[in-house]
């Protein structure tokens, strides 16, 4: 049997996922033109940093560092932004991504090429786990596995940011976006293996797995198409095509949860 590295396997079976847009790194880092991009990406680092400040006390330099793992870390844009906003903290950082090429540019202390549904990380070993918009690029079954893995490795808190379907008529909302991501009308937007789950669907998974969580934020973000326009530098014809396909479903729901280890008795406030 042919033995492939994780990246080789990924490239062979999910080649379309490698094209994340020519401006992806800038968008992930929080640089934006459109308001929707600002709300989805530029505001993530300050918000996540503020959560860490509320839940974890700073450590003295001579004590052990907090273990912080960023899932779907790509080149480390979000991770670096969080670290820069928390100079009073000391972290040992781990970046996990299936894209080995992107990880080479990541400044994390440890870099792991792996799929998120099977993390080579010890149980209850991470003080902080961050995962921004990783669930939707996986099947619903794999989303369940990923959430289970997050709960398994977290000994402190996991901060999950998700952008997904409207909980009302989720299938109807997904129809337009799935049509767009076939790549038939705009080839560069072709994606595979995705499922834009709703808040309700994610919480059903969490409840089914008996994972302790708290939803701390939910908001509707309009003009979701602007994010694709900015990431992929779409031309005018492509912009018009995208707006036409999404039509009245040109929005997305952003939800943020805190996930706690199963042995946690009380949820911090």
Protein backbone atom coordinates (compact mmCIF):
# COMPACT_ATOMS: atom_id res chain seq x y z
CA UNK A 1 0.00 0.00 0.00
CA UNK A 2 1.25 3.47 -0.91
CA UNK A 3 2.42 5.31 2.21
CA UNK A 4 1.83 9.06 2.09
CA UNK A 5 2.72 11.85 4.47
CA UNK A 6 -0.31 13.74 5.87
CA UNK A 7 0.33 16.58 3.44
CA UNK A 8 0.73 14.24 0.45
CA UNK A 9 -2.51 12.50 1.37
CA UNK A 10 -4.26 15.85 1.75
CA UNK A 11 -2.94 17.07 -1.60
CA UNK A 12 -4.05 13.88 -3.34
CA UNK A 13 -7.56 13.70 -1.89
CA UNK A 14 -8.47 17.34 -1.22
CA UNK A 15 -6.50 19.35 -3.74
CA UNK A 16 -9.26 21.97 -4.05
CA UNK A 17 -8.83 22.93 -0.39
CA UNK A 18 -5.28 24.08 -1.05
CA UNK A 19 -6.56 27.12 -2.93
CA UNK A 20 -7.67 29.30 -0.05
CA UNK A 21 -7.27 32.58 -1.92
CA UNK A 22 -4.34 34.78 -2.84
CA UNK A 23 -5.13 37.21 -0.01
CA UNK A 24 -5.91 34.56 2.61
CA UNK A 25 -2.92 35.27 4.83
CA UNK A 26 -3.70 38.99 4.96
CA UNK A 27 -7.35 38.30 5.80
CA UNK A 28 -6.39 35.73 8.46
CA UNK A 29 -4.06 38.32 9.99
CA UNK A 30 -6.93 40.79 10.33
CA UNK A 31 -6.31 43.07 7.36
CA UNK A 32 -9.56 44.00 5.69
CA UNK A 33 -11.41 46.30 3.34
CA UNK A 34 -14.97 45.10 3.87
CA UNK A 35 -16.94 45.19 7.11
CA UNK A 36 -17.80 41.49 6.94
CA UNK A 37 -14.10 40.60 6.82
CA UNK A 38 -13.47 42.85 9.80
CA UNK A 39 -16.22 41.19 11.83
CA UNK A 40 -15.16 37.66 10.94
CA UNK A 41 -11.37 38.01 11.09
CA UNK A 42 -10.01 41.34 12.34
CA UNK A 43 -11.98 41.18 15.58
CA UNK A 44 -11.00 37.59 16.44
CA UNK A 45 -7.60 38.18 18.05
CA UNK A 46 -8.66 41.00 20.40
CA UNK A 47 -11.79 39.09 21.39
CA UNK A 48 -10.02 35.78 22.02
CA UNK A 49 -7.23 37.59 23.89
CA UNK A 50 -9.79 39.23 26.16
CA UNK A 51 -11.31 35.82 26.95
CA UNK A 52 -7.90 34.42 27.91
CA UNK A 53 -7.30 37.41 30.19
CA UNK A 54 -10.60 36.80 31.97
CA UNK A 55 -10.09 33.08 32.48
CA UNK A 56 -6.36 32.64 33.11
CA UNK A 57 -4.14 34.58 35.53
CA UNK A 58 -0.72 35.67 34.16
CA UNK A 59 2.21 33.51 35.26
CA UNK A 60 5.49 34.78 36.67
CA UNK A 61 8.40 34.40 34.22
CA UNK A 62 10.09 31.73 36.31
CA UNK A 63 7.01 29.47 36.39
CA UNK A 64 5.92 27.01 33.73
CA UNK A 65 4.41 28.40 30.53
CA UNK A 66 0.81 27.91 29.55
CA UNK A 67 0.32 25.40 26.75
CA UNK A 68 -1.58 27.05 23.88
CA UNK A 69 -2.58 25.09 20.78
CA UNK A 70 -4.04 26.71 17.67
CA UNK A 71 -5.99 24.34 15.42
CA UNK A 72 -6.11 25.09 11.70
CA UNK A 73 -3.28 27.51 12.37
CA UNK A 74 -2.15 27.96 8.74
CA UNK A 75 0.78 30.43 8.80
CA UNK A 76 0.05 31.46 12.38
CA UNK A 77 -1.66 34.75 11.63
CA UNK A 78 -4.23 34.45 14.42
CA UNK A 79 -1.81 32.83 16.86
CA UNK A 80 0.82 35.55 16.46
CA UNK A 81 -1.82 38.24 16.85
CA UNK A 82 -3.11 36.71 20.09
CA UNK A 83 0.39 36.35 21.54
CA UNK A 84 1.29 39.95 20.71
CA UNK A 85 -1.77 41.16 22.64
CA UNK A 86 -0.86 39.21 25.78
CA UNK A 87 2.70 40.28 26.66
CA UNK A 88 2.06 39.58 30.35
CA UNK A 89 1.56 35.87 29.57
CA UNK A 90 4.10 33.17 28.81
CA UNK A 91 3.05 30.48 26.35
CA UNK A 92 4.47 27.39 24.76
CA UNK A 93 2.64 27.43 21.44
CA UNK A 94 1.64 24.56 19.18
CA UNK A 95 0.28 25.04 15.66
CA UNK A 96 -1.68 22.24 14.00
CA UNK A 97 -2.61 22.23 10.32
CA UNK A 98 -2.78 19.75 7.47
CA UNK A 99 -1.04 22.25 5.17
CA UNK A 100 2.65 21.55 5.70
CA UNK A 101 3.74 24.34 3.36
CA UNK A 102 1.79 26.98 5.29
CA UNK A 103 3.10 25.66 8.61
CA UNK A 104 6.68 26.29 7.50
CA UNK A 105 5.98 30.02 7.87
CA UNK A 106 4.33 29.58 11.28
CA UNK A 107 6.33 30.90 14.28
CA UNK A 108 4.83 28.47 16.81
CA UNK A 109 7.22 26.68 19.15
CA UNK A 110 5.90 23.34 17.92
CA UNK A 111 4.31 22.60 14.54
CA UNK A 112 2.26 19.49 13.85
CA UNK A 113 1.04 18.36 10.43
CA UNK A 114 -2.14 16.45 11.20
CA UNK A 115 -5.85 16.23 10.57
CA UNK A 116 -7.90 17.80 13.32
CA UNK A 117 -10.07 14.73 13.81
CA UNK A 118 -7.10 12.73 15.10
CA UNK A 119 -4.73 14.95 17.05
CA UNK A 120 -1.38 13.55 18.19
CA UNK A 121 -1.63 15.49 21.46
CA UNK A 122 -1.92 14.06 24.99
CA UNK A 123 -5.15 14.03 26.97
CA UNK A 124 -5.82 17.08 29.17
CA UNK A 125 -2.51 18.67 28.19
CA UNK A 126 -3.51 22.09 26.79
CA UNK A 127 -4.32 25.13 28.90
CA UNK A 128 -5.81 26.98 25.93
CA UNK A 129 -7.02 25.63 22.59
CA UNK A 130 -8.12 27.99 19.83
CA UNK A 131 -10.01 26.97 16.70
CA UNK A 132 -11.29 29.60 14.30
CA UNK A 133 -13.62 28.54 11.47
CA UNK A 134 -12.20 25.03 11.15
CA UNK A 135 -15.37 23.01 11.61
CA UNK A 136 -17.13 24.03 8.40
CA UNK A 137 -14.35 22.71 6.16
CA UNK A 138 -15.05 19.20 7.42
CA UNK A 139 -17.98 16.82 7.13
CA UNK A 140 -20.50 16.76 9.94
CA UNK A 141 -19.10 13.41 11.09
CA UNK A 142 -15.59 14.83 11.23
CA UNK A 143 -16.87 17.91 13.05
CA UNK A 144 -18.07 15.54 15.76
CA UNK A 145 -14.63 13.91 15.90
CA UNK A 146 -12.86 17.28 15.98
CA UNK A 147 -14.99 18.54 18.88
CA UNK A 148 -14.37 15.29 20.73
CA UNK A 149 -10.62 15.72 20.20
CA UNK A 150 -10.73 19.32 21.40
CA UNK A 151 -12.48 18.25 24.62
CA UNK A 152 -9.96 15.43 25.04
CA UNK A 153 -6.80 17.57 24.86
CA UNK A 154 -8.14 20.59 26.78
CA UNK A 155 -7.32 20.87 30.47
CA UNK A 156 -8.18 24.57 30.74
CA UNK A 157 -10.45 26.09 28.10
CA UNK A 158 -10.98 25.84 24.36
CA UNK A 159 -12.22 28.87 22.44
CA UNK A 160 -14.15 27.90 19.34
CA UNK A 161 -15.17 30.47 16.74
CA UNK A 162 -17.55 29.17 14.14
CA UNK A 163 -19.20 30.67 11.07
CA UNK A 164 -22.10 28.62 9.82
CA UNK A 165 -25.66 28.22 8.67
CA UNK A 166 -28.76 29.93 9.92
CA UNK A 167 -30.35 27.66 12.56
CA UNK A 168 -33.70 28.39 10.92
CA UNK A 169 -34.04 26.46 7.64
CA UNK A 170 -30.37 25.43 7.65
CA UNK A 171 -30.65 23.27 4.53
CA UNK A 172 -32.24 26.13 2.62
CA UNK A 173 -29.39 28.45 3.69
CA UNK A 174 -26.73 25.88 2.72
CA UNK A 175 -28.20 25.28 -0.73
CA UNK A 176 -26.94 28.56 -2.21
CA UNK A 177 -23.49 28.34 -0.64
CA UNK A 178 -23.03 24.71 -1.69
CA UNK A 179 -23.90 25.69 -5.25
CA UNK A 180 -21.25 28.40 -5.13
CA UNK A 181 -18.59 26.04 -3.76
CA UNK A 182 -19.04 23.51 -6.55
CA UNK A 183 -16.80 25.83 -8.54
CA UNK A 184 -18.94 25.50 -11.65
CA UNK A 185 -19.63 29.23 -11.89
CA UNK A 186 -16.43 30.47 -10.19
CA UNK A 187 -13.76 27.72 -10.49
CA UNK A 188 -11.35 29.25 -7.97
CA UNK A 189 -14.00 28.88 -5.23
CA UNK A 190 -14.30 25.10 -5.58
CA UNK A 191 -14.18 23.38 -2.20
CA UNK A 192 -14.86 19.81 -1.10
CA UNK A 193 -15.65 18.01 2.12
CA UNK A 194 -17.31 21.01 3.76
CA UNK A 195 -20.47 21.30 5.82
CA UNK A 196 -21.60 24.68 7.13
CA UNK A 197 -23.25 23.50 10.32
CA UNK A 198 -25.52 25.80 12.29
CA UNK A 199 -25.11 26.76 15.94
CA UNK A 200 -27.94 24.38 16.79
CA UNK A 201 -26.30 21.48 14.93
CA UNK A 202 -22.95 22.05 16.65
CA UNK A 203 -24.59 22.23 20.05
CA UNK A 204 -26.44 18.98 19.35
CA UNK A 205 -23.03 17.38 18.80
CA UNK A 206 -21.65 18.87 22.01
CA UNK A 207 -24.66 17.72 24.00
CA UNK A 208 -24.48 14.25 22.47
CA UNK A 209 -20.82 13.96 23.46
CA UNK A 210 -21.55 15.29 26.98
CA UNK A 211 -19.02 18.08 26.42
CA UNK A 212 -19.32 21.02 28.81
CA UNK A 213 -19.62 24.28 26.88
CA UNK A 214 -20.91 27.80 27.10
CA UNK A 215 -22.06 29.89 24.15
CA UNK A 216 -20.74 33.37 24.78
CA UNK A 217 -21.48 35.16 21.52
CA UNK A 218 -23.65 34.85 18.44
CA UNK A 219 -24.23 37.38 15.70
CA UNK A 220 -25.40 37.55 12.12
CA UNK A 221 -22.86 38.98 9.68
CA UNK A 222 -24.29 40.33 6.43
CA UNK A 223 -22.59 40.48 3.02
CA UNK A 224 -20.67 37.27 3.62
CA UNK A 225 -19.76 37.28 -0.08
CA UNK A 226 -17.39 40.19 0.59
CA UNK A 227 -15.10 37.83 2.50
CA UNK A 228 -14.69 35.60 -0.56
CA UNK A 229 -14.29 38.66 -2.77
CA UNK A 230 -11.47 39.90 -0.55
CA UNK A 231 -9.72 36.55 -0.05
CA UNK A 232 -9.81 35.55 -3.72
CA UNK A 233 -9.51 39.01 -5.31
CA UNK A 234 -12.55 38.34 -7.48
CA UNK A 235 -13.11 40.40 -10.62
CA UNK A 236 -16.32 42.31 -11.29
CA UNK A 237 -17.95 39.48 -13.23
CA UNK A 238 -17.13 36.99 -10.47
CA UNK A 239 -18.46 39.38 -7.83
CA UNK A 240 -21.77 39.73 -9.66
CA UNK A 241 -22.02 35.96 -10.10
CA UNK A 242 -21.40 35.34 -6.42
CA UNK A 243 -23.95 37.93 -5.30
CA UNK A 244 -26.50 36.41 -7.68
CA UNK A 245 -25.94 32.86 -6.41
CA UNK A 246 -26.09 33.74 -2.71
CA UNK A 247 -29.01 36.10 -3.30
CA UNK A 248 -30.97 36.58 -0.05
CA UNK A 249 -28.68 34.15 1.80
CA UNK A 250 -25.68 36.46 1.64
CA UNK A 251 -25.04 36.31 5.37
CA UNK A 252 -23.57 33.95 7.94
CA UNK A 253 -23.90 33.37 11.67
CA UNK A 254 -20.79 33.69 13.82
CA UNK A 255 -20.84 31.81 17.12
CA UNK A 256 -18.21 31.60 19.85
CA UNK A 257 -18.20 28.84 22.47
CA UNK A 258 -16.01 28.00 25.42
CA UNK A 259 -15.38 24.28 25.82
CA UNK A 260 -14.22 22.82 29.11
CA UNK A 261 -12.76 19.44 30.06
CA UNK A 262 -15.34 16.88 31.08
CA UNK A 263 -14.11 16.83 34.67
CA UNK A 264 -14.77 20.57 35.12
CA UNK A 265 -17.37 21.12 37.83
CA UNK A 266 -18.14 24.80 37.37
CA UNK A 267 -18.03 27.02 34.30
CA UNK A 268 -16.01 30.25 34.78
CA UNK A 269 -17.92 33.49 34.31
